[in-house]
Amino acid sequence: MDGSRRPDAGYRTPGRTSFERLAAAVVRALPGRLLEGVGPFRIEVAQVPPDGDEPVLASFTEGTPGRLVIYRGPLEARAPTRDELATLLREVALIELATATGEDPTSFD
């Protein structure tokens, strides 16, 4: 898959807005303790990580506000169904945000 193409396999959301809504809903449903620990942040969706990056599914940058970037292409390629995409979104967002707060991601399961 190159940066401009959709994945050949996996679940494909009907469009960017649909993916953004799903990602936002999943992140909002994360434990309040985690979200409060991170502080204010915005969610952004990019199709693929920047060139040269190791394969990543999401990244968090601290700041005011912080920035959680979720990479749509690699996530959709790994998830065969919408439910599995939502589960994967939860996992990667939880890992990124927990890591940013110094928490163990498994403590939120």
N, C-alpha and C. Protein backbone atom coordinates (compact mmCIF):
# COMPACT_ATOMS: atom_id res chain seq x y z
N MET A 1 0.85 -1.17 0.00
CA MET A 1 0.00 0.00 0.00
C MET A 1 0.89 1.23 0.00
N ASP A 2 0.69 2.14 -0.94
CA ASP A 2 1.43 3.39 -0.90
C ASP A 2 0.60 4.44 -0.16
N GLY A 3 1.15 5.63 0.02
CA GLY A 3 0.50 6.66 0.82
C GLY A 3 -0.82 7.16 0.28
N SER A 4 -1.10 6.95 -0.99
CA SER A 4 -2.32 7.50 -1.57
C SER A 4 -3.42 6.46 -1.77
N ARG A 5 -3.13 5.19 -1.53
CA ARG A 5 -4.10 4.14 -1.80
C ARG A 5 -4.73 3.61 -0.52
N ARG A 6 -5.91 3.09 -0.67
CA ARG A 6 -6.59 2.43 0.44
C ARG A 6 -6.01 1.04 0.60
N PRO A 7 -6.14 0.42 1.76
CA PRO A 7 -5.63 -0.93 1.93
C PRO A 7 -6.34 -1.92 1.02
N ASP A 8 -5.59 -2.93 0.58
CA ASP A 8 -6.18 -3.98 -0.26
C ASP A 8 -7.03 -4.93 0.57
N ALA A 9 -6.70 -5.08 1.83
CA ALA A 9 -7.43 -5.97 2.73
C ALA A 9 -7.89 -5.17 3.93
N GLY A 10 -8.77 -5.75 4.70
CA GLY A 10 -9.22 -5.10 5.92
C GLY A 10 -10.54 -4.38 5.74
N TYR A 11 -11.06 -3.89 6.85
CA TYR A 11 -12.33 -3.16 6.85
C TYR A 11 -12.08 -1.73 6.38
N ARG A 12 -12.93 -1.24 5.52
CA ARG A 12 -12.80 0.13 5.02
C ARG A 12 -14.01 0.94 5.47
N THR A 13 -13.78 1.97 6.25
CA THR A 13 -14.88 2.84 6.62
C THR A 13 -15.37 3.55 5.36
N PRO A 14 -16.65 3.94 5.32
CA PRO A 14 -17.20 4.54 4.12
C PRO A 14 -16.50 5.85 3.70
N GLY A 15 -15.84 6.51 4.61
CA GLY A 15 -15.15 7.75 4.28
C GLY A 15 -14.40 8.27 5.48
N ARG A 16 -13.62 9.31 5.25
CA ARG A 16 -12.81 9.89 6.31
C ARG A 16 -13.66 10.35 7.50
N THR A 17 -14.80 10.99 7.21
CA THR A 17 -15.65 11.48 8.30
C THR A 17 -16.15 10.33 9.15
N SER A 18 -16.53 9.23 8.53
CA SER A 18 -16.98 8.06 9.27
C SER A 18 -15.87 7.52 10.18
N PHE A 19 -14.66 7.46 9.65
CA PHE A 19 -13.52 6.99 10.45
C PHE A 19 -13.26 7.96 11.60
N GLU A 20 -13.30 9.25 11.33
CA GLU A 20 -13.06 10.25 12.38
C GLU A 20 -14.09 10.14 13.50
N ARG A 21 -15.36 9.93 13.13
CA ARG A 21 -16.42 9.77 14.14
C ARG A 21 -16.18 8.52 14.99
N LEU A 22 -15.82 7.43 14.33
CA LEU A 22 -15.55 6.20 15.07
C LEU A 22 -14.37 6.40 16.02
N ALA A 23 -13.30 6.99 15.53
CA ALA A 23 -12.12 7.23 16.38
C ALA A 23 -12.47 8.11 17.57
N ALA A 24 -13.20 9.18 17.34
CA ALA A 24 -13.58 10.09 18.42
C ALA A 24 -14.45 9.38 19.46
N ALA A 25 -15.40 8.58 19.00
CA ALA A 25 -16.28 7.85 19.93
C ALA A 25 -15.48 6.86 20.76
N VAL A 26 -14.55 6.17 20.14
CA VAL A 26 -13.72 5.20 20.86
C VAL A 26 -12.87 5.91 21.91
N VAL A 27 -12.25 7.01 21.54
CA VAL A 27 -11.39 7.73 22.48
C VAL A 27 -12.23 8.30 23.63
N ARG A 28 -13.39 8.87 23.33
CA ARG A 28 -14.25 9.41 24.40
C ARG A 28 -14.68 8.34 25.39
N ALA A 29 -14.74 7.09 24.96
CA ALA A 29 -15.18 5.99 25.82
C ALA A 29 -14.03 5.42 26.67
N LEU A 30 -12.82 5.93 26.49
CA LEU A 30 -11.70 5.46 27.32
C LEU A 30 -11.94 5.87 28.77
N PRO A 31 -11.29 5.19 29.71
CA PRO A 31 -11.51 5.51 31.12
C PRO A 31 -11.24 6.99 31.44
N GLY A 32 -12.15 7.58 32.22
CA GLY A 32 -12.01 8.98 32.60
C GLY A 32 -10.70 9.29 33.27
N ARG A 33 -10.23 8.38 34.10
CA ARG A 33 -8.95 8.57 34.81
C ARG A 33 -7.81 8.79 33.81
N LEU A 34 -7.83 8.04 32.72
CA LEU A 34 -6.80 8.18 31.69
C LEU A 34 -6.94 9.52 30.98
N LEU A 35 -8.14 9.85 30.56
CA LEU A 35 -8.36 11.10 29.83
C LEU A 35 -8.02 12.32 30.69
N GLU A 36 -8.37 12.28 31.97
CA GLU A 36 -8.05 13.38 32.87
C GLU A 36 -6.54 13.50 33.06
N GLY A 37 -5.84 12.37 33.11
CA GLY A 37 -4.39 12.38 33.29
C GLY A 37 -3.64 12.99 32.11
N VAL A 38 -4.19 12.84 30.93
CA VAL A 38 -3.55 13.37 29.72
C VAL A 38 -3.78 14.88 29.62
N GLY A 39 -4.94 15.33 30.06
CA GLY A 39 -5.27 16.74 29.89
C GLY A 39 -5.87 16.97 28.52
N PRO A 40 -6.06 18.24 28.15
CA PRO A 40 -6.70 18.52 26.87
C PRO A 40 -5.84 18.05 25.69
N PHE A 41 -6.51 17.44 24.72
CA PHE A 41 -5.81 17.03 23.50
C PHE A 41 -6.82 16.96 22.37
N ARG A 42 -6.30 17.02 21.17
CA ARG A 42 -7.16 16.90 20.00
C ARG A 42 -6.81 15.62 19.27
N ILE A 43 -7.79 15.12 18.53
CA ILE A 43 -7.61 13.90 17.74
C ILE A 43 -7.50 14.31 16.28
N GLU A 44 -6.48 13.80 15.61
CA GLU A 44 -6.32 14.04 14.19
C GLU A 44 -6.20 12.69 13.49
N VAL A 45 -6.67 12.64 12.25
CA VAL A 45 -6.57 11.43 11.46
C VAL A 45 -5.69 11.73 10.25
N ALA A 46 -4.72 10.86 10.02
CA ALA A 46 -3.89 10.93 8.82
C ALA A 46 -4.01 9.58 8.12
N GLN A 47 -3.84 9.57 6.82
CA GLN A 47 -3.97 8.31 6.08
C GLN A 47 -2.84 7.35 6.44
N VAL A 48 -1.61 7.81 6.41
CA VAL A 48 -0.45 6.96 6.71
C VAL A 48 0.57 7.77 7.50
N PRO A 49 1.46 7.09 8.25
CA PRO A 49 2.50 7.81 8.97
C PRO A 49 3.46 8.49 7.99
N PRO A 50 4.18 9.50 8.46
CA PRO A 50 5.16 10.16 7.58
C PRO A 50 6.18 9.16 7.05
N ASP A 51 6.71 9.44 5.86
CA ASP A 51 7.73 8.57 5.28
C ASP A 51 8.90 8.38 6.24
N GLY A 52 9.41 7.18 6.25
CA GLY A 52 10.58 6.88 7.06
C GLY A 52 10.26 6.42 8.47
N ASP A 53 9.03 6.66 8.94
CA ASP A 53 8.67 6.19 10.27
C ASP A 53 8.53 4.68 10.26
N GLU A 54 8.87 4.09 11.38
CA GLU A 54 8.58 2.67 11.56
C GLU A 54 7.07 2.50 11.45
N PRO A 55 6.61 1.31 11.14
CA PRO A 55 5.16 1.13 11.07
C PRO A 55 4.51 1.51 12.41
N VAL A 56 3.70 2.54 12.38
CA VAL A 56 2.99 2.99 13.58
C VAL A 56 1.51 3.10 13.26
N LEU A 57 0.70 2.96 14.28
CA LEU A 57 -0.74 3.05 14.12
C LEU A 57 -1.29 4.36 14.67
N ALA A 58 -0.55 4.94 15.62
CA ALA A 58 -0.96 6.21 16.23
C ALA A 58 0.25 6.82 16.91
N SER A 59 0.17 8.11 17.20
CA SER A 59 1.23 8.78 17.96
C SER A 59 0.61 9.90 18.77
N PHE A 60 1.21 10.16 19.92
CA PHE A 60 0.74 11.24 20.78
C PHE A 60 1.87 12.22 21.00
N THR A 61 1.57 13.50 20.84
CA THR A 61 2.53 14.57 21.09
C THR A 61 1.97 15.44 22.20
N GLU A 62 2.75 15.61 23.25
CA GLU A 62 2.30 16.46 24.34
C GLU A 62 2.36 17.91 23.92
N GLY A 63 1.54 18.71 24.54
CA GLY A 63 1.49 20.14 24.24
C GLY A 63 0.22 20.72 24.82
N THR A 64 -0.06 21.95 24.45
CA THR A 64 -1.28 22.60 24.93
C THR A 64 -2.07 23.04 23.73
N PRO A 65 -3.01 22.30 23.25
CA PRO A 65 -3.37 20.95 23.73
C PRO A 65 -2.45 19.89 23.13
N GLY A 66 -2.54 18.69 23.70
CA GLY A 66 -1.82 17.56 23.13
C GLY A 66 -2.44 17.17 21.79
N ARG A 67 -1.79 16.24 21.13
CA ARG A 67 -2.25 15.85 19.79
C ARG A 67 -2.11 14.33 19.63
N LEU A 68 -3.23 13.65 19.43
CA LEU A 68 -3.26 12.22 19.15
C LEU A 68 -3.53 12.06 17.67
N VAL A 69 -2.53 11.54 16.94
CA VAL A 69 -2.69 11.30 15.50
C VAL A 69 -2.93 9.82 15.30
N ILE A 70 -4.01 9.50 14.62
CA ILE A 70 -4.38 8.11 14.35
C ILE A 70 -4.23 7.88 12.84
N TYR A 71 -3.50 6.83 12.47
CA TYR A 71 -3.21 6.54 11.07
C TYR A 71 -4.22 5.54 10.52
N ARG A 72 -5.11 6.04 9.71
CA ARG A 72 -6.25 5.28 9.21
C ARG A 72 -5.85 4.08 8.37
N GLY A 73 -4.98 4.26 7.39
CA GLY A 73 -4.64 3.19 6.46
C GLY A 73 -4.13 1.93 7.14
N PRO A 74 -3.10 2.05 7.99
CA PRO A 74 -2.58 0.85 8.65
C PRO A 74 -3.59 0.18 9.58
N LEU A 75 -4.45 0.99 10.22
CA LEU A 75 -5.46 0.40 11.10
C LEU A 75 -6.51 -0.37 10.30
N GLU A 76 -7.00 0.24 9.23
CA GLU A 76 -8.01 -0.45 8.42
C GLU A 76 -7.44 -1.71 7.79
N ALA A 77 -6.18 -1.69 7.43
CA ALA A 77 -5.56 -2.87 6.82
C ALA A 77 -5.48 -4.05 7.80
N ARG A 78 -5.44 -3.76 9.10
CA ARG A 78 -5.29 -4.81 10.11
C ARG A 78 -6.62 -5.32 10.67
N ALA A 79 -7.71 -4.63 10.39
CA ALA A 79 -8.99 -4.98 11.00
C ALA A 79 -9.97 -5.46 9.94
N PRO A 80 -10.39 -6.72 9.99
CA PRO A 80 -11.31 -7.24 8.98
C PRO A 80 -12.77 -6.80 9.14
N THR A 81 -13.14 -6.30 10.34
CA THR A 81 -14.52 -5.87 10.56
C THR A 81 -14.54 -4.52 11.29
N ARG A 82 -15.70 -3.88 11.30
CA ARG A 82 -15.84 -2.61 12.00
C ARG A 82 -15.59 -2.79 13.50
N ASP A 83 -16.13 -3.86 14.06
CA ASP A 83 -15.92 -4.11 15.50
C ASP A 83 -14.45 -4.29 15.82
N GLU A 84 -13.75 -5.01 14.97
CA GLU A 84 -12.31 -5.21 15.21
C GLU A 84 -11.54 -3.91 15.01
N LEU A 85 -11.99 -3.07 14.09
CA LEU A 85 -11.37 -1.76 13.91
C LEU A 85 -11.57 -0.93 15.18
N ALA A 86 -12.75 -0.94 15.74
CA ALA A 86 -13.02 -0.19 16.97
C ALA A 86 -12.15 -0.71 18.12
N THR A 87 -12.00 -2.03 18.21
CA THR A 87 -11.16 -2.62 19.25
C THR A 87 -9.70 -2.20 19.07
N LEU A 88 -9.23 -2.24 17.85
CA LEU A 88 -7.85 -1.85 17.56
C LEU A 88 -7.64 -0.36 17.83
N LEU A 89 -8.60 0.47 17.45
CA LEU A 89 -8.52 1.90 17.76
C LEU A 89 -8.41 2.12 19.26
N ARG A 90 -9.22 1.41 20.03
CA ARG A 90 -9.16 1.54 21.49
C ARG A 90 -7.79 1.16 22.02
N GLU A 91 -7.26 0.04 21.53
CA GLU A 91 -5.96 -0.43 22.00
C GLU A 91 -4.85 0.57 21.72
N VAL A 92 -4.79 1.07 20.49
CA VAL A 92 -3.68 1.98 20.16
C VAL A 92 -3.83 3.32 20.86
N ALA A 93 -5.06 3.83 20.97
CA ALA A 93 -5.26 5.10 21.68
C ALA A 93 -4.92 4.94 23.15
N LEU A 94 -5.36 3.85 23.75
CA LEU A 94 -5.06 3.60 25.16
C LEU A 94 -3.55 3.51 25.39
N ILE A 95 -2.85 2.81 24.54
CA ILE A 95 -1.39 2.67 24.69
C ILE A 95 -0.71 4.04 24.57
N GLU A 96 -1.08 4.81 23.55
CA GLU A 96 -0.45 6.12 23.36
C GLU A 96 -0.72 7.05 24.54
N LEU A 97 -1.96 7.11 24.98
CA LEU A 97 -2.30 8.03 26.07
C LEU A 97 -1.75 7.57 27.41
N ALA A 98 -1.79 6.28 27.67
CA ALA A 98 -1.23 5.76 28.93
C ALA A 98 0.27 6.00 28.97
N THR A 99 0.94 5.77 27.88
CA THR A 99 2.39 6.00 27.81
C THR A 99 2.70 7.47 28.08
N ALA A 100 1.88 8.36 27.54
CA ALA A 100 2.10 9.80 27.74
C ALA A 100 1.97 10.21 29.20
N THR A 101 1.15 9.47 29.96
CA THR A 101 0.96 9.80 31.37
C THR A 101 1.86 8.99 32.29
N GLY A 102 2.66 8.09 31.71
CA GLY A 102 3.54 7.25 32.53
C GLY A 102 2.82 6.09 33.18
N GLU A 103 1.60 5.80 32.72
CA GLU A 103 0.81 4.70 33.28
C GLU A 103 1.04 3.43 32.48
N ASP A 104 0.79 2.31 33.11
CA ASP A 104 0.84 1.01 32.44
C ASP A 104 -0.48 0.82 31.69
N PRO A 105 -0.44 0.68 30.37
CA PRO A 105 -1.70 0.52 29.62
C PRO A 105 -2.57 -0.62 30.13
N THR A 106 -1.96 -1.68 30.64
CA THR A 106 -2.75 -2.83 31.10
C THR A 106 -3.54 -2.49 32.38
N SER A 107 -3.20 -1.41 33.05
CA SER A 107 -3.94 -1.06 34.26
C SER A 107 -5.32 -0.48 33.94
N PHE A 108 -5.60 -0.26 32.66
CA PHE A 108 -6.88 0.29 32.25
C PHE A 108 -7.80 -0.76 31.63
N ASP A 109 -7.38 -2.01 31.59
CA ASP A 109 -8.21 -3.07 30.99
C ASP A 109 -9.35 -3.48 31.88
